[in-house]
Amino acid sequence: MQATNHSAHTRRAESEPQHFPPLELVNRPTVPTEQAAHYLLRRPQTLRGWACAETFPDGLRPVRVNGRLCWPVAGIKAALGVAA
């Protein structure tokens, strides 16, 4: 079996952290799991576990859009104690 060679660009893209706008500048009602995890200082898998077990902080209930989790920005701000 032959090993798959990935270009340096592909490897670099996987290791680069994602950059999200500051929470104060987000004007959408919900954000995806990766972005919510960034704001809450958690790993995305932690938020997925919260959603599965329904053990998320008060006011942070995710909604599903086309099978994907979306986290309410107002709930993220409430969990962080930031004024909405």
N, C-alpha and C. Protein backbone atom coordinates (compact mmCIF):
# COMPACT_ATOMS: atom_id res chain seq x y z
N MET A 1 0.84 -1.17 0.00
CA MET A 1 0.00 0.00 0.00
C MET A 1 0.89 1.23 0.00
N GLN A 2 0.53 2.21 -0.80
CA GLN A 2 1.36 3.40 -0.94
C GLN A 2 0.85 4.51 -0.02
N ALA A 3 1.77 5.20 0.63
CA ALA A 3 1.41 6.29 1.53
C ALA A 3 0.94 7.50 0.72
N THR A 4 0.00 8.23 1.29
CA THR A 4 -0.50 9.44 0.64
C THR A 4 0.41 10.60 1.03
N ASN A 5 0.87 11.33 0.04
CA ASN A 5 1.70 12.50 0.30
C ASN A 5 0.83 13.74 0.33
N HIS A 6 0.94 14.49 1.40
CA HIS A 6 0.21 15.75 1.51
C HIS A 6 1.20 16.87 1.30
N SER A 7 0.74 17.90 0.67
CA SER A 7 1.61 19.05 0.45
C SER A 7 1.82 19.79 1.77
N ALA A 8 2.84 20.59 1.81
CA ALA A 8 3.12 21.39 3.00
C ALA A 8 1.97 22.34 3.28
N HIS A 9 1.33 22.82 2.22
CA HIS A 9 0.19 23.74 2.40
C HIS A 9 -0.96 23.04 3.13
N THR A 10 -1.24 21.80 2.79
CA THR A 10 -2.32 21.06 3.43
C THR A 10 -2.01 20.83 4.89
N ARG A 11 -0.79 20.41 5.19
CA ARG A 11 -0.41 20.18 6.59
C ARG A 11 -0.47 21.48 7.38
N ARG A 12 -0.05 22.57 6.80
CA ARG A 12 -0.05 23.86 7.49
C ARG A 12 -1.49 24.29 7.78
N ALA A 13 -2.40 24.08 6.84
CA ALA A 13 -3.78 24.49 7.01
C ALA A 13 -4.44 23.75 8.17
N GLU A 14 -4.08 22.49 8.37
CA GLU A 14 -4.66 21.72 9.45
C GLU A 14 -4.16 22.18 10.81
N SER A 15 -2.94 22.70 10.88
CA SER A 15 -2.36 23.06 12.17
C SER A 15 -2.59 24.52 12.54
N GLU A 16 -3.00 25.35 11.60
CA GLU A 16 -3.21 26.76 11.90
C GLU A 16 -4.49 26.94 12.70
N PRO A 17 -4.44 27.75 13.76
CA PRO A 17 -5.67 28.00 14.52
C PRO A 17 -6.63 28.87 13.72
N GLN A 18 -7.91 28.66 13.97
CA GLN A 18 -8.90 29.49 13.29
C GLN A 18 -9.00 30.82 14.01
N HIS A 19 -9.28 31.86 13.25
CA HIS A 19 -9.41 33.20 13.83
C HIS A 19 -10.87 33.61 13.75
N PHE A 20 -11.41 34.00 14.88
CA PHE A 20 -12.81 34.41 14.95
C PHE A 20 -12.86 35.87 15.40
N PRO A 21 -13.91 36.60 14.99
CA PRO A 21 -14.03 37.99 15.43
C PRO A 21 -14.33 38.05 16.93
N PRO A 22 -14.04 39.16 17.57
CA PRO A 22 -14.38 39.30 18.99
C PRO A 22 -15.89 39.10 19.18
N LEU A 23 -16.27 38.57 20.31
CA LEU A 23 -17.67 38.28 20.59
C LEU A 23 -18.54 39.53 20.49
N GLU A 24 -17.99 40.69 20.84
CA GLU A 24 -18.76 41.94 20.79
C GLU A 24 -19.16 42.30 19.36
N LEU A 25 -18.39 41.84 18.37
CA LEU A 25 -18.64 42.19 16.98
C LEU A 25 -19.52 41.17 16.24
N VAL A 26 -19.86 40.08 16.88
CA VAL A 26 -20.68 39.06 16.23
C VAL A 26 -22.12 39.56 16.20
N ASN A 27 -22.69 39.64 14.98
CA ASN A 27 -24.06 40.15 14.86
C ASN A 27 -25.03 39.08 14.35
N ARG A 28 -24.61 37.83 14.34
CA ARG A 28 -25.48 36.73 13.95
C ARG A 28 -26.15 36.18 15.21
N PRO A 29 -27.34 35.59 15.06
CA PRO A 29 -28.01 35.05 16.26
C PRO A 29 -27.34 33.78 16.81
N THR A 30 -26.70 32.99 15.93
CA THR A 30 -26.03 31.77 16.37
C THR A 30 -24.66 31.66 15.70
N VAL A 31 -23.80 30.84 16.31
CA VAL A 31 -22.48 30.57 15.74
C VAL A 31 -22.26 29.06 15.75
N PRO A 32 -21.38 28.56 14.87
CA PRO A 32 -21.09 27.12 14.86
C PRO A 32 -20.32 26.68 16.10
N THR A 33 -20.24 25.38 16.28
CA THR A 33 -19.62 24.80 17.48
C THR A 33 -18.18 25.25 17.67
N GLU A 34 -17.37 25.26 16.61
CA GLU A 34 -15.96 25.65 16.75
C GLU A 34 -15.83 27.08 17.25
N GLN A 35 -16.67 27.96 16.75
CA GLN A 35 -16.60 29.37 17.16
C GLN A 35 -17.09 29.53 18.60
N ALA A 36 -18.16 28.85 18.96
CA ALA A 36 -18.67 28.91 20.33
C ALA A 36 -17.63 28.37 21.31
N ALA A 37 -16.96 27.29 20.94
CA ALA A 37 -15.93 26.72 21.81
C ALA A 37 -14.79 27.70 22.01
N HIS A 38 -14.45 28.44 20.97
CA HIS A 38 -13.39 29.45 21.07
C HIS A 38 -13.76 30.50 22.11
N TYR A 39 -14.98 31.01 22.06
CA TYR A 39 -15.41 32.04 23.00
C TYR A 39 -15.53 31.51 24.43
N LEU A 40 -15.92 30.25 24.57
CA LEU A 40 -16.12 29.66 25.89
C LEU A 40 -14.84 29.03 26.45
N LEU A 41 -13.75 29.09 25.69
CA LEU A 41 -12.47 28.50 26.09
C LEU A 41 -12.61 27.01 26.40
N ARG A 42 -13.29 26.32 25.51
CA ARG A 42 -13.47 24.88 25.60
C ARG A 42 -13.12 24.27 24.25
N ARG A 43 -12.98 22.98 24.20
CA ARG A 43 -12.77 22.28 22.93
C ARG A 43 -14.14 22.03 22.30
N PRO A 44 -14.21 22.03 20.97
CA PRO A 44 -15.49 21.78 20.31
C PRO A 44 -16.15 20.48 20.76
N GLN A 45 -15.35 19.45 21.04
CA GLN A 45 -15.92 18.17 21.45
C GLN A 45 -16.63 18.29 22.80
N THR A 46 -16.18 19.20 23.66
CA THR A 46 -16.85 19.42 24.94
C THR A 46 -18.26 19.94 24.70
N LEU A 47 -18.42 20.89 23.79
CA LEU A 47 -19.74 21.43 23.49
C LEU A 47 -20.63 20.37 22.85
N ARG A 48 -20.06 19.53 22.00
CA ARG A 48 -20.85 18.45 21.41
C ARG A 48 -21.33 17.48 22.50
N GLY A 49 -20.48 17.23 23.47
CA GLY A 49 -20.87 16.38 24.60
C GLY A 49 -21.98 17.01 25.41
N TRP A 50 -21.88 18.33 25.65
CA TRP A 50 -22.94 19.05 26.36
C TRP A 50 -24.27 18.89 25.63
N ALA A 51 -24.24 19.05 24.31
CA ALA A 51 -25.46 18.97 23.52
C ALA A 51 -26.05 17.56 23.57
N CYS A 52 -25.20 16.57 23.51
CA CYS A 52 -25.65 15.18 23.51
C CYS A 52 -26.26 14.80 24.86
N ALA A 53 -25.61 15.19 25.93
CA ALA A 53 -26.07 14.85 27.28
C ALA A 53 -27.01 15.91 27.86
N GLU A 54 -27.22 16.99 27.13
CA GLU A 54 -28.04 18.13 27.58
C GLU A 54 -27.59 18.64 28.94
N THR A 55 -26.28 18.84 29.08
CA THR A 55 -25.71 19.35 30.34
C THR A 55 -25.06 20.71 30.13
N PHE A 56 -25.55 21.49 29.19
CA PHE A 56 -24.97 22.80 28.89
C PHE A 56 -25.36 23.81 29.96
N PRO A 57 -24.60 24.92 30.09
CA PRO A 57 -24.94 25.96 31.06
C PRO A 57 -26.31 26.57 30.75
N ASP A 58 -26.93 27.15 31.77
CA ASP A 58 -28.25 27.77 31.61
C ASP A 58 -28.23 28.80 30.49
N GLY A 59 -29.26 28.77 29.65
CA GLY A 59 -29.40 29.74 28.57
C GLY A 59 -28.58 29.44 27.33
N LEU A 60 -27.86 28.34 27.32
CA LEU A 60 -26.96 28.05 26.21
C LEU A 60 -27.44 26.86 25.38
N ARG A 61 -28.70 26.57 25.37
CA ARG A 61 -29.23 25.41 24.61
C ARG A 61 -28.97 25.60 23.12
N PRO A 62 -28.26 24.66 22.50
CA PRO A 62 -28.00 24.78 21.07
C PRO A 62 -29.24 24.42 20.25
N VAL A 63 -29.26 24.90 19.02
CA VAL A 63 -30.31 24.53 18.07
C VAL A 63 -29.64 23.77 16.94
N ARG A 64 -30.40 22.91 16.30
CA ARG A 64 -29.86 22.16 15.16
C ARG A 64 -30.39 22.78 13.87
N VAL A 65 -29.47 23.08 12.97
CA VAL A 65 -29.80 23.61 11.66
C VAL A 65 -29.21 22.66 10.63
N ASN A 66 -30.06 21.99 9.89
CA ASN A 66 -29.62 20.99 8.92
C ASN A 66 -28.68 19.95 9.54
N GLY A 67 -28.97 19.54 10.75
CA GLY A 67 -28.18 18.51 11.41
C GLY A 67 -26.92 19.01 12.10
N ARG A 68 -26.66 20.30 12.03
CA ARG A 68 -25.46 20.86 12.68
C ARG A 68 -25.87 21.67 13.91
N LEU A 69 -25.00 21.65 14.91
CA LEU A 69 -25.28 22.42 16.12
C LEU A 69 -24.95 23.90 15.89
N CYS A 70 -25.86 24.75 16.32
CA CYS A 70 -25.63 26.20 16.31
C CYS A 70 -25.88 26.70 17.72
N TRP A 71 -24.97 27.52 18.21
CA TRP A 71 -25.03 27.98 19.60
C TRP A 71 -25.45 29.44 19.63
N PRO A 72 -26.46 29.80 20.43
CA PRO A 72 -26.95 31.19 20.46
C PRO A 72 -25.90 32.12 21.07
N VAL A 73 -25.67 33.23 20.38
CA VAL A 73 -24.69 34.22 20.85
C VAL A 73 -25.14 34.79 22.19
N ALA A 74 -26.44 35.03 22.34
CA ALA A 74 -26.96 35.56 23.62
C ALA A 74 -26.68 34.57 24.76
N GLY A 75 -26.78 33.27 24.50
CA GLY A 75 -26.48 32.26 25.49
C GLY A 75 -25.01 32.21 25.85
N ILE A 76 -24.16 32.39 24.86
CA ILE A 76 -22.72 32.43 25.12
C ILE A 76 -22.38 33.62 26.01
N LYS A 77 -22.97 34.77 25.69
CA LYS A 77 -22.73 35.96 26.50
C LYS A 77 -23.25 35.78 27.92
N ALA A 78 -24.41 35.13 28.05
CA ALA A 78 -24.98 34.88 29.38
C ALA A 78 -24.08 33.93 30.17
N ALA A 79 -23.56 32.90 29.52
CA ALA A 79 -22.69 31.95 30.21
C ALA A 79 -21.39 32.61 30.66
N LEU A 80 -20.93 33.61 29.90
CA LEU A 80 -19.71 34.32 30.25
C LEU A 80 -19.95 35.49 31.20
N GLY A 81 -21.23 35.82 31.42
CA GLY A 81 -21.55 36.95 32.30
C GLY A 81 -21.34 38.29 31.64
N VAL A 82 -21.43 38.31 30.31
CA VAL A 82 -21.25 39.55 29.54
C VAL A 82 -22.62 40.12 29.23
N ALA A 83 -22.75 41.43 29.32
CA ALA A 83 -24.04 42.07 29.02
C ALA A 83 -24.35 41.90 27.54
N ALA A 84 -25.58 41.49 27.25
CA ALA A 84 -26.01 41.30 25.85
C ALA A 84 -26.32 42.64 25.30
